[in-house]
Amino acid sequence: MSYRKFAYVYDELMEDMPYPDWIRFARTAWERHGMPKSVAELGCGTGSITIPLVNSGFEVTGIDLSADMLSVARSKMEATPQGHRLYREGSVRWVQQDMRDWRVPEPVDSVISFCDCVNYLLEKEDVVRTFQRTYEMLKPEGTFLFDVHHPNTLIRYEEEQPFVLDERSVSYIWTCDMDQDRCEIEHHLSIFSRVAESGKDMYQRFEEVHVQRAYDPDWMKLELTKAGFRDVRVYADFEWKEAGEGAQRLFYVAVK
């Protein structure tokens, strides 16, 4: 999986993503289980969730595997009215790490991982390692909040493909290949990004391949419990309702 060129068109492609809903879900969870001061975000990407949290006064560590995504995030942070001051005071740190082995100097009050980042862990052992490391890096009573695609969502992607976006500055053709046995899907994106060259509009084409895997919800809940979390609950689609087979996104709230 590559995020090099993709990182620089990511925000434009994802401008309709419900980032405020993820933040609202996190805030509601914190109101129920304790408002954090320090937060680590696994798979922070270009900072679309990180930056609003920082600007609301949280001390956030944004962690991502992609140096290019983090570069975009830093630029966005420093472009905000508060950005340079907050960055200088250390209310935000950007760290390039693998979420399976992430580490911060001191345990944090809460860990979040939204936008189906956990679905990019392709082996059960990877999920277990992430859960164990997250438990280790949380303070007592700390919360781990994350969302994943329900297995049925990946099946629906394969059934409904191809997907096409046709905008003036960026377009894509998105197709999928599904491995039913592993509930693993391979996304193939051909992206066309507009660039200005010699006064003319030109389009640069590049290819991206992204692989995601969905896991049995009960298995994930069990593994969180085995990692040490004492209270694990699963909700559906940004709402505080019990997750069933009709859910598209599963939201996990685990308390240490």
C-alpha atoms as a PDB file:
ATOM      1  CA  MET A   1       0.000   0.000   0.000  1.00  0.00           C
ATOM      2  CA  SER A   2       1.393   3.397  -0.977  1.00  0.00           C
ATOM      3  CA  TYR A   3       0.357   6.820   0.231  1.00  0.00           C
ATOM      4  CA  ARG A   4       3.033   8.941  -1.424  1.00  0.00           C
ATOM      5  CA  LYS A   5       1.145  10.695  -4.239  1.00  0.00           C
ATOM      6  CA  PHE A   6      -2.215   9.752  -2.769  1.00  0.00           C
ATOM      7  CA  ALA A   7      -1.449  11.785   0.371  1.00  0.00           C
ATOM      8  CA  TYR A   8      -1.519  15.027  -1.619  1.00  0.00           C
ATOM      9  CA  VAL A   9      -4.967  14.460  -3.137  1.00  0.00           C
ATOM     10  CA  TYR A  10      -6.402  12.592  -0.139  1.00  0.00           C
ATOM     11  CA  ASP A  11      -8.263  15.545   1.381  1.00  0.00           C
ATOM     12  CA  GLU A  12      -9.868  16.458  -1.914  1.00  0.00           C
ATOM     13  CA  LEU A  13     -11.024  12.893  -2.492  1.00  0.00           C
ATOM     14  CA  MET A  14     -12.281  12.556   1.075  1.00  0.00           C
ATOM     15  CA  GLU A  15     -13.895  15.966   1.517  1.00  0.00           C
ATOM     16  CA  ASP A  16     -17.317  14.368   2.082  1.00  0.00           C
ATOM     17  CA  MET A  17     -16.106  12.105   4.893  1.00  0.00           C
ATOM     18  CA  PRO A  18     -18.049  12.704   8.131  1.00  0.00           C
ATOM     19  CA  TYR A  19     -15.124  13.870  10.260  1.00  0.00           C
ATOM     20  CA  PRO A  20     -17.380  15.918  12.600  1.00  0.00           C
ATOM     21  CA  ASP A  21     -19.375  12.751  13.318  1.00  0.00           C
ATOM     22  CA  TRP A  22     -16.237  10.865  14.401  1.00  0.00           C
ATOM     23  CA  ILE A  23     -15.278  13.757  16.673  1.00  0.00           C
ATOM     24  CA  ARG A  24     -18.803  13.916  18.079  1.00  0.00           C
ATOM     25  CA  PHE A  25     -18.739  10.184  18.799  1.00  0.00           C
ATOM     26  CA  ALA A  26     -15.412  10.511  20.609  1.00  0.00           C
ATOM     27  CA  ARG A  27     -16.618  13.430  22.701  1.00  0.00           C
ATOM     28  CA  THR A  28     -19.762  11.564  23.719  1.00  0.00           C
ATOM     29  CA  ALA A  29     -17.689   8.525  24.713  1.00  0.00           C
ATOM     30  CA  TRP A  30     -15.386  10.749  26.759  1.00  0.00           C
ATOM     31  CA  GLU A  31     -18.322  12.412  28.481  1.00  0.00           C
ATOM     32  CA  ARG A  32     -19.464   8.944  29.523  1.00  0.00           C
ATOM     33  CA  HIS A  33     -16.100   7.495  30.508  1.00  0.00           C
ATOM     34  CA  GLY A  34     -13.936  10.457  31.455  1.00  0.00           C
ATOM     35  CA  MET A  35     -12.731  13.492  29.491  1.00  0.00           C
ATOM     36  CA  PRO A  36      -9.081  13.006  28.488  1.00  0.00           C
ATOM     37  CA  LYS A  37      -6.279  15.514  28.434  1.00  0.00           C
ATOM     38  CA  SER A  38      -3.848  13.461  26.348  1.00  0.00           C
ATOM     39  CA  VAL A  39      -4.956  11.564  23.228  1.00  0.00           C
ATOM     40  CA  ALA A  40      -3.064   9.362  20.770  1.00  0.00           C
ATOM     41  CA  GLU A  41      -4.557   8.908  17.312  1.00  0.00           C
ATOM     42  CA  LEU A  42      -3.544   5.804  15.374  1.00  0.00           C
ATOM     43  CA  GLY A  43      -3.703   6.296  11.622  1.00  0.00           C
ATOM     44  CA  CYS A  44      -4.112  10.055  11.854  1.00  0.00           C
ATOM     45  CA  GLY A  45      -3.597  10.535   8.109  1.00  0.00           C
ATOM     46  CA  THR A  46      -3.662  14.198   7.103  1.00  0.00           C
ATOM     47  CA  GLY A  47      -4.926  15.311  10.492  1.00  0.00           C
ATOM     48  CA  SER A  48      -8.582  15.955   9.695  1.00  0.00           C
ATOM     49  CA  ILE A  49      -9.572  14.661  13.138  1.00  0.00           C
ATOM     50  CA  THR A  50      -6.325  15.483  14.936  1.00  0.00           C
ATOM     51  CA  ILE A  51      -6.334  19.205  14.180  1.00  0.00           C
ATOM     52  CA  PRO A  52      -9.871  19.984  15.426  1.00  0.00           C
ATOM     53  CA  LEU A  53      -9.061  18.109  18.649  1.00  0.00           C
ATOM     54  CA  VAL A  54      -5.839  20.080  19.095  1.00  0.00           C
ATOM     55  CA  ASN A  55      -7.653  23.335  18.445  1.00  0.00           C
ATOM     56  CA  SER A  56     -10.171  22.323  21.127  1.00  0.00           C
ATOM     57  CA  GLY A  57      -7.406  22.084  23.713  1.00  0.00           C
ATOM     58  CA  PHE A  58      -6.461  18.394  23.729  1.00  0.00           C
ATOM     59  CA  GLU A  59      -2.844  17.254  23.754  1.00  0.00           C
ATOM     60  CA  VAL A  60      -2.732  14.963  20.731  1.00  0.00           C
ATOM     61  CA  THR A  61      -0.087  12.670  19.318  1.00  0.00           C
ATOM     62  CA  GLY A  62      -0.868  11.941  15.674  1.00  0.00           C
ATOM     63  CA  ILE A  63       0.625   8.602  14.611  1.00  0.00           C
ATOM     64  CA  ASP A  64       0.751   7.349  11.039  1.00  0.00           C
ATOM     65  CA  LEU A  65       2.881   4.992   8.966  1.00  0.00           C
ATOM     66  CA  SER A  66       3.061   7.400   6.006  1.00  0.00           C
ATOM     67  CA  ALA A  67       5.606  10.227   6.120  1.00  0.00           C
ATOM     68  CA  ASP A  68       3.754  11.957   3.285  1.00  0.00           C
ATOM     69  CA  MET A  69       0.434  11.933   5.136  1.00  0.00           C
ATOM     70  CA  LEU A  70       2.161  13.390   8.189  1.00  0.00           C
ATOM     71  CA  SER A  71       3.790  16.064   6.028  1.00  0.00           C
ATOM     72  CA  VAL A  72       0.370  17.164   4.784  1.00  0.00           C
ATOM     73  CA  ALA A  73      -0.946  17.111   8.357  1.00  0.00           C
ATOM     74  CA  ARG A  74       1.876  19.350   9.592  1.00  0.00           C
ATOM     75  CA  SER A  75       1.230  21.841   6.805  1.00  0.00           C
ATOM     76  CA  LYS A  76      -2.480  21.917   7.580  1.00  0.00           C
ATOM     77  CA  MET A  77      -1.830  22.402  11.291  1.00  0.00           C
ATOM     78  CA  GLU A  78       0.531  25.292  10.749  1.00  0.00           C
ATOM     79  CA  ALA A  79      -1.910  26.905   8.312  1.00  0.00           C
ATOM     80  CA  THR A  80      -4.648  27.192  10.959  1.00  0.00           C
ATOM     81  CA  PRO A  81      -4.888  30.486  12.902  1.00  0.00           C
ATOM     82  CA  GLN A  82      -3.835  28.703  16.103  1.00  0.00           C
ATOM     83  CA  GLY A  83      -1.553  26.244  14.390  1.00  0.00           C
ATOM     84  CA  HIS A  84       1.887  27.753  14.772  1.00  0.00           C
ATOM     85  CA  ARG A  85       1.400  28.597  18.456  1.00  0.00           C
ATOM     86  CA  LEU A  86      -0.049  25.189  19.317  1.00  0.00           C
ATOM     87  CA  TYR A  87       2.625  23.346  17.398  1.00  0.00           C
ATOM     88  CA  ARG A  88       5.332  25.342  19.179  1.00  0.00           C
ATOM     89  CA  GLU A  89       3.813  24.633  22.605  1.00  0.00           C
ATOM     90  CA  GLY A  90       3.721  20.895  21.919  1.00  0.00           C
ATOM     91  CA  SER A  91      -0.038  20.358  22.055  1.00  0.00           C
ATOM     92  CA  VAL A  92       0.383  18.276  18.924  1.00  0.00           C
ATOM     93  CA  ARG A  93       3.118  15.849  17.983  1.00  0.00           C
ATOM     94  CA  TRP A  94       3.354  14.009  14.678  1.00  0.00           C
ATOM     95  CA  VAL A  95       5.029  10.600  14.875  1.00  0.00           C
ATOM     96  CA  GLN A  96       5.753   8.121  12.080  1.00  0.00           C
ATOM     97  CA  GLN A  97       5.129   4.691  13.561  1.00  0.00           C
ATOM     98  CA  ASP A  98       3.446   1.372  12.844  1.00  0.00           C
ATOM     99  CA  MET A  99       0.230   1.079  14.843  1.00  0.00           C
ATOM    100  CA  ARG A 100       1.142  -2.505  15.731  1.00  0.00           C
ATOM    101  CA  ASP A 101       4.210  -1.329  17.641  1.00  0.00           C
ATOM    102  CA  TRP A 102       3.473   2.284  18.470  1.00  0.00           C
ATOM    103  CA  ARG A 103       4.873   3.859  21.598  1.00  0.00           C
ATOM    104  CA  VAL A 104       4.804   7.243  23.308  1.00  0.00           C
ATOM    105  CA  PRO A 105       6.992   8.437  26.216  1.00  0.00           C
ATOM    106  CA  GLU A 106       4.111   8.455  28.726  1.00  0.00           C
ATOM    107  CA  PRO A 107       0.771   6.599  28.762  1.00  0.00           C
ATOM    108  CA  VAL A 108      -2.186   8.622  27.476  1.00  0.00           C
ATOM    109  CA  ASP A 109      -5.761   9.110  28.654  1.00  0.00           C
ATOM    110  CA  SER A 110      -7.378   7.941  25.426  1.00  0.00           C
ATOM    111  CA  VAL A 111      -6.472   6.303  22.111  1.00  0.00           C
ATOM    112  CA  ILE A 112      -8.589   6.769  18.999  1.00  0.00           C
ATOM    113  CA  SER A 113      -8.394   5.186  15.552  1.00  0.00           C
ATOM    114  CA  PHE A 114     -11.147   6.167  13.153  1.00  0.00           C
ATOM    115  CA  CYS A 115     -11.816   6.001   9.406  1.00  0.00           C
ATOM    116  CA  ASP A 116     -11.514   2.158   9.414  1.00  0.00           C
ATOM    117  CA  CYS A 117      -7.750   2.204   9.994  1.00  0.00           C
ATOM    118  CA  VAL A 118      -7.864  -1.113  11.867  1.00  0.00           C
ATOM    119  CA  ASN A 119      -9.220  -2.762   8.698  1.00  0.00           C
ATOM    120  CA  TYR A 120      -5.754  -2.252   7.180  1.00  0.00           C
ATOM    121  CA  LEU A 121      -4.362  -4.826   9.609  1.00  0.00           C
ATOM    122  CA  LEU A 122      -4.420  -7.922   7.417  1.00  0.00           C
ATOM    123  CA  GLU A 123      -3.654 -10.692   9.899  1.00  0.00           C
ATOM    124  CA  LYS A 124      -5.294 -11.552  13.187  1.00  0.00           C
ATOM    125  CA  GLU A 125      -1.884 -11.377  14.856  1.00  0.00           C
ATOM    126  CA  ASP A 126      -1.591  -7.741  13.742  1.00  0.00           C
ATOM    127  CA  VAL A 127      -4.922  -6.867  15.345  1.00  0.00           C
ATOM    128  CA  VAL A 128      -3.970  -8.621  18.572  1.00  0.00           C
ATOM    129  CA  ARG A 129      -0.606  -6.810  18.707  1.00  0.00           C
ATOM    130  CA  THR A 130      -2.323  -3.457  18.193  1.00  0.00           C
ATOM    131  CA  PHE A 131      -4.825  -4.150  20.963  1.00  0.00           C
ATOM    132  CA  GLN A 132      -2.073  -5.261  23.348  1.00  0.00           C
ATOM    133  CA  ARG A 133       0.168  -2.272  22.640  1.00  0.00           C
ATOM    134  CA  THR A 134      -2.751   0.122  22.962  1.00  0.00           C
ATOM    135  CA  TYR A 135      -3.678  -1.357  26.343  1.00  0.00           C
ATOM    136  CA  GLU A 136      -0.069  -0.943  27.444  1.00  0.00           C
ATOM    137  CA  MET A 137       0.029   2.718  26.353  1.00  0.00           C
ATOM    138  CA  LEU A 138      -3.201   3.701  28.140  1.00  0.00           C
ATOM    139  CA  LYS A 139      -3.490   5.049  31.659  1.00  0.00           C
ATOM    140  CA  PRO A 140      -5.787   3.166  34.065  1.00  0.00           C
ATOM    141  CA  GLU A 141      -9.437   3.946  33.228  1.00  0.00           C
ATOM    142  CA  GLY A 142      -8.281   5.099  29.776  1.00  0.00           C
ATOM    143  CA  THR A 143     -10.415   4.565  26.681  1.00  0.00           C
ATOM    144  CA  PHE A 144      -9.744   3.002  23.300  1.00  0.00           C
ATOM    145  CA  LEU A 145     -12.181   4.172  20.618  1.00  0.00           C
ATOM    146  CA  PHE A 146     -12.077   2.884  17.055  1.00  0.00           C
ATOM    147  CA  ASP A 147     -14.291   1.956  14.148  1.00  0.00           C
ATOM    148  CA  VAL A 148     -14.086  -0.750  11.491  1.00  0.00           C
ATOM    149  CA  HIS A 149     -16.084  -1.821   8.474  1.00  0.00           C
ATOM    150  CA  HIS A 150     -18.590  -4.565   9.203  1.00  0.00           C
ATOM    151  CA  PRO A 151     -17.747  -7.668   7.104  1.00  0.00           C
ATOM    152  CA  ASN A 152     -20.973  -7.120   5.154  1.00  0.00           C
ATOM    153  CA  THR A 153     -19.730  -3.678   4.103  1.00  0.00           C
ATOM    154  CA  LEU A 154     -16.755  -5.157   2.256  1.00  0.00           C
ATOM    155  CA  ILE A 155     -19.056  -7.658   0.561  1.00  0.00           C
ATOM    156  CA  ARG A 156     -21.296  -4.799  -0.541  1.00  0.00           C
ATOM    157  CA  TYR A 157     -18.309  -2.877  -1.947  1.00  0.00           C
ATOM    158  CA  GLU A 158     -17.445  -5.862  -4.136  1.00  0.00           C
ATOM    159  CA  GLU A 159     -21.050  -6.213  -5.300  1.00  0.00           C
ATOM    160  CA  GLU A 160     -21.544  -2.511  -6.094  1.00  0.00           C
ATOM    161  CA  GLN A 161     -18.235  -1.762  -7.840  1.00  0.00           C
ATOM    162  CA  PRO A 162     -16.959  -0.049  -9.909  1.00  0.00           C
ATOM    163  CA  PHE A 163     -17.063   3.431  -8.376  1.00  0.00           C
ATOM    164  CA  VAL A 164     -16.300   6.559 -10.376  1.00  0.00           C
ATOM    165  CA  LEU A 165     -15.565  10.147  -9.358  1.00  0.00           C
ATOM    166  CA  ASP A 166     -15.386  12.799 -12.060  1.00  0.00           C
ATOM    167  CA  GLU A 167     -14.421  16.257 -10.807  1.00  0.00           C
ATOM    168  CA  ARG A 168     -12.536  19.001 -12.587  1.00  0.00           C
ATOM    169  CA  SER A 169      -9.394  18.802 -10.439  1.00  0.00           C
ATOM    170  CA  VAL A 170      -9.350  15.103  -9.567  1.00  0.00           C
ATOM    171  CA  SER A 171     -11.078  11.946 -10.776  1.00  0.00           C
ATOM    172  CA  TYR A 172     -10.786   8.243 -10.106  1.00  0.00           C
ATOM    173  CA  ILE A 173     -11.911   4.817 -11.231  1.00  0.00           C
ATOM    174  CA  TRP A 174     -12.179   2.413  -8.284  1.00  0.00           C
ATOM    175  CA  THR A 175     -12.582  -1.354  -8.654  1.00  0.00           C
ATOM    176  CA  CYS A 176     -12.420  -4.150  -6.065  1.00  0.00           C
ATOM    177  CA  ASP A 177     -11.379  -7.795  -5.798  1.00  0.00           C
ATOM    178  CA  MET A 178     -12.783  -9.755  -2.873  1.00  0.00           C
ATOM    179  CA  ASP A 179     -11.373 -12.821  -1.141  1.00  0.00           C
ATOM    180  CA  GLN A 180     -14.506 -14.212   0.473  1.00  0.00           C
ATOM    181  CA  ASP A 181     -12.682 -16.779   2.605  1.00  0.00           C
ATOM    182  CA  ARG A 182     -10.557 -14.134   4.334  1.00  0.00           C
ATOM    183  CA  CYS A 183     -13.161 -11.363   4.043  1.00  0.00           C
ATOM    184  CA  GLU A 184     -10.354  -9.340   2.483  1.00  0.00           C
ATOM    185  CA  ILE A 185     -10.817  -6.784  -0.260  1.00  0.00           C
ATOM    186  CA  GLU A 186      -8.260  -5.254  -2.617  1.00  0.00           C
ATOM    187  CA  HIS A 187      -9.124  -1.751  -3.808  1.00  0.00           C
ATOM    188  CA  HIS A 188      -7.617  -0.660  -7.124  1.00  0.00           C
ATOM    189  CA  LEU A 189      -7.717   3.080  -7.794  1.00  0.00           C
ATOM    190  CA  SER A 190      -6.682   4.834 -10.981  1.00  0.00           C
ATOM    191  CA  ILE A 191      -6.456   8.501  -9.990  1.00  0.00           C
ATOM    192  CA  PHE A 192      -6.231  11.443 -12.386  1.00  0.00           C
ATOM    193  CA  SER A 193      -5.015  14.650 -10.729  1.00  0.00           C
ATOM    194  CA  ARG A 194      -5.004  18.018 -12.536  1.00  0.00           C
ATOM    195  CA  VAL A 195      -1.681  19.846 -12.757  1.00  0.00           C
ATOM    196  CA  ALA A 196      -0.908  23.186 -14.405  1.00  0.00           C
ATOM    197  CA  GLU A 197       1.797  22.921 -17.017  1.00  0.00           C
ATOM    198  CA  SER A 198       2.716  25.557 -19.598  1.00  0.00           C
ATOM    199  CA  GLY A 199      -0.539  27.336 -18.933  1.00  0.00           C
ATOM    200  CA  LYS A 200      -2.584  24.258 -19.807  1.00  0.00           C
ATOM    201  CA  ASP A 201      -4.563  21.841 -17.703  1.00  0.00           C
ATOM    202  CA  MET A 202      -2.838  18.476 -17.664  1.00  0.00           C
ATOM    203  CA  TYR A 203      -3.775  15.353 -15.752  1.00  0.00           C
ATOM    204  CA  GLN A 204      -1.306  13.102 -13.990  1.00  0.00           C
ATOM    205  CA  ARG A 205      -2.369   9.487 -13.623  1.00  0.00           C
ATOM    206  CA  PHE A 206      -1.186   7.278 -10.805  1.00  0.00           C
ATOM    207  CA  GLU A 207      -2.292   3.960  -9.368  1.00  0.00           C
ATOM    208  CA  GLU A 208      -3.059   3.015  -5.771  1.00  0.00           C
ATOM    209  CA  VAL A 209      -3.763  -0.422  -4.305  1.00  0.00           C
ATOM    210  CA  HIS A 210      -5.258  -0.613  -0.820  1.00  0.00           C
ATOM    211  CA  VAL A 211      -6.100  -3.847   0.977  1.00  0.00           C
ATOM    212  CA  GLN A 212      -8.509  -4.144   3.891  1.00  0.00           C
ATOM    213  CA  ARG A 213      -9.759  -7.067   5.912  1.00  0.00           C
ATOM    214  CA  ALA A 214     -12.856  -7.299   8.103  1.00  0.00           C
ATOM    215  CA  TYR A 215     -13.048  -9.512  11.167  1.00  0.00           C
ATOM    216  CA  ASP A 216     -15.840 -11.187  13.061  1.00  0.00           C
ATOM    217  CA  PRO A 217     -17.182  -8.597  15.540  1.00  0.00           C
ATOM    218  CA  ASP A 218     -17.406 -11.116  18.381  1.00  0.00           C
ATOM    219  CA  TRP A 219     -13.806 -12.189  17.820  1.00  0.00           C
ATOM    220  CA  MET A 220     -12.621  -8.578  18.019  1.00  0.00           C
ATOM    221  CA  LYS A 221     -14.562  -8.014  21.222  1.00  0.00           C
ATOM    222  CA  LEU A 222     -13.062 -11.167  22.716  1.00  0.00           C
ATOM    223  CA  GLU A 223      -9.514 -10.130  21.779  1.00  0.00           C
ATOM    224  CA  LEU A 224      -9.989  -6.722  23.388  1.00  0.00           C
ATOM    225  CA  THR A 225     -11.058  -8.484  26.574  1.00  0.00           C
ATOM    226  CA  LYS A 226      -8.078 -10.847  26.380  1.00  0.00           C
ATOM    227  CA  ALA A 227      -5.786  -7.827  25.966  1.00  0.00           C
ATOM    228  CA  GLY A 228      -7.034  -6.633  29.352  1.00  0.00           C
ATOM    229  CA  PHE A 229      -9.867  -4.205  28.627  1.00  0.00           C
ATOM    230  CA  ARG A 230     -12.526  -4.633  31.310  1.00  0.00           C
ATOM    231  CA  ASP A 231     -15.492  -2.975  29.573  1.00  0.00           C
ATOM    232  CA  VAL A 232     -15.975  -3.439  25.811  1.00  0.00           C
ATOM    233  CA  ARG A 233     -19.043  -2.248  23.955  1.00  0.00           C
ATOM    234  CA  VAL A 234     -19.880  -2.190  20.236  1.00  0.00           C
ATOM    235  CA  TYR A 235     -22.118   0.370  18.560  1.00  0.00           C
ATOM    236  CA  ALA A 236     -23.301   1.006  15.017  1.00  0.00           C
ATOM    237  CA  ASP A 237     -22.850   3.832  12.526  1.00  0.00           C
ATOM    238  CA  PHE A 238     -21.975   6.785  14.777  1.00  0.00           C
ATOM    239  CA  GLU A 239     -25.017   6.092  16.961  1.00  0.00           C
ATOM    240  CA  TRP A 240     -25.224   4.793  20.507  1.00  0.00           C
ATOM    241  CA  LYS A 241     -27.235   1.775  19.474  1.00  0.00           C
ATOM    242  CA  GLU A 242     -26.392  -1.901  19.608  1.00  0.00           C
ATOM    243  CA  ALA A 243     -24.583  -3.104  16.506  1.00  0.00           C
ATOM    244  CA  GLY A 244     -26.368  -5.735  14.443  1.00  0.00           C
ATOM    245  CA  GLU A 245     -25.940  -7.355  11.039  1.00  0.00           C
ATOM    246  CA  GLY A 246     -27.337  -4.229   9.368  1.00  0.00           C
ATOM    247  CA  ALA A 247     -24.512  -2.036  10.662  1.00  0.00           C
ATOM    248  CA  GLN A 248     -22.084  -0.588   8.121  1.00  0.00           C
ATOM    249  CA  ARG A 249     -19.481   0.657  10.615  1.00  0.00           C
ATOM    250  CA  LEU A 250     -18.822  -0.890  14.001  1.00  0.00           C
ATOM    251  CA  PHE A 251     -17.690   1.448  16.757  1.00  0.00           C
ATOM    252  CA  TYR A 252     -15.781  -0.091  19.654  1.00  0.00           C
ATOM    253  CA  VAL A 253     -15.485   1.565  23.059  1.00  0.00           C
ATOM    254  CA  ALA A 254     -13.054  -0.267  25.338  1.00  0.00           C
ATOM    255  CA  VAL A 255     -12.110   0.857  28.838  1.00  0.00           C
ATOM    256  CA  LYS A 256      -8.876  -0.161  30.585  1.00  0.00           C
END
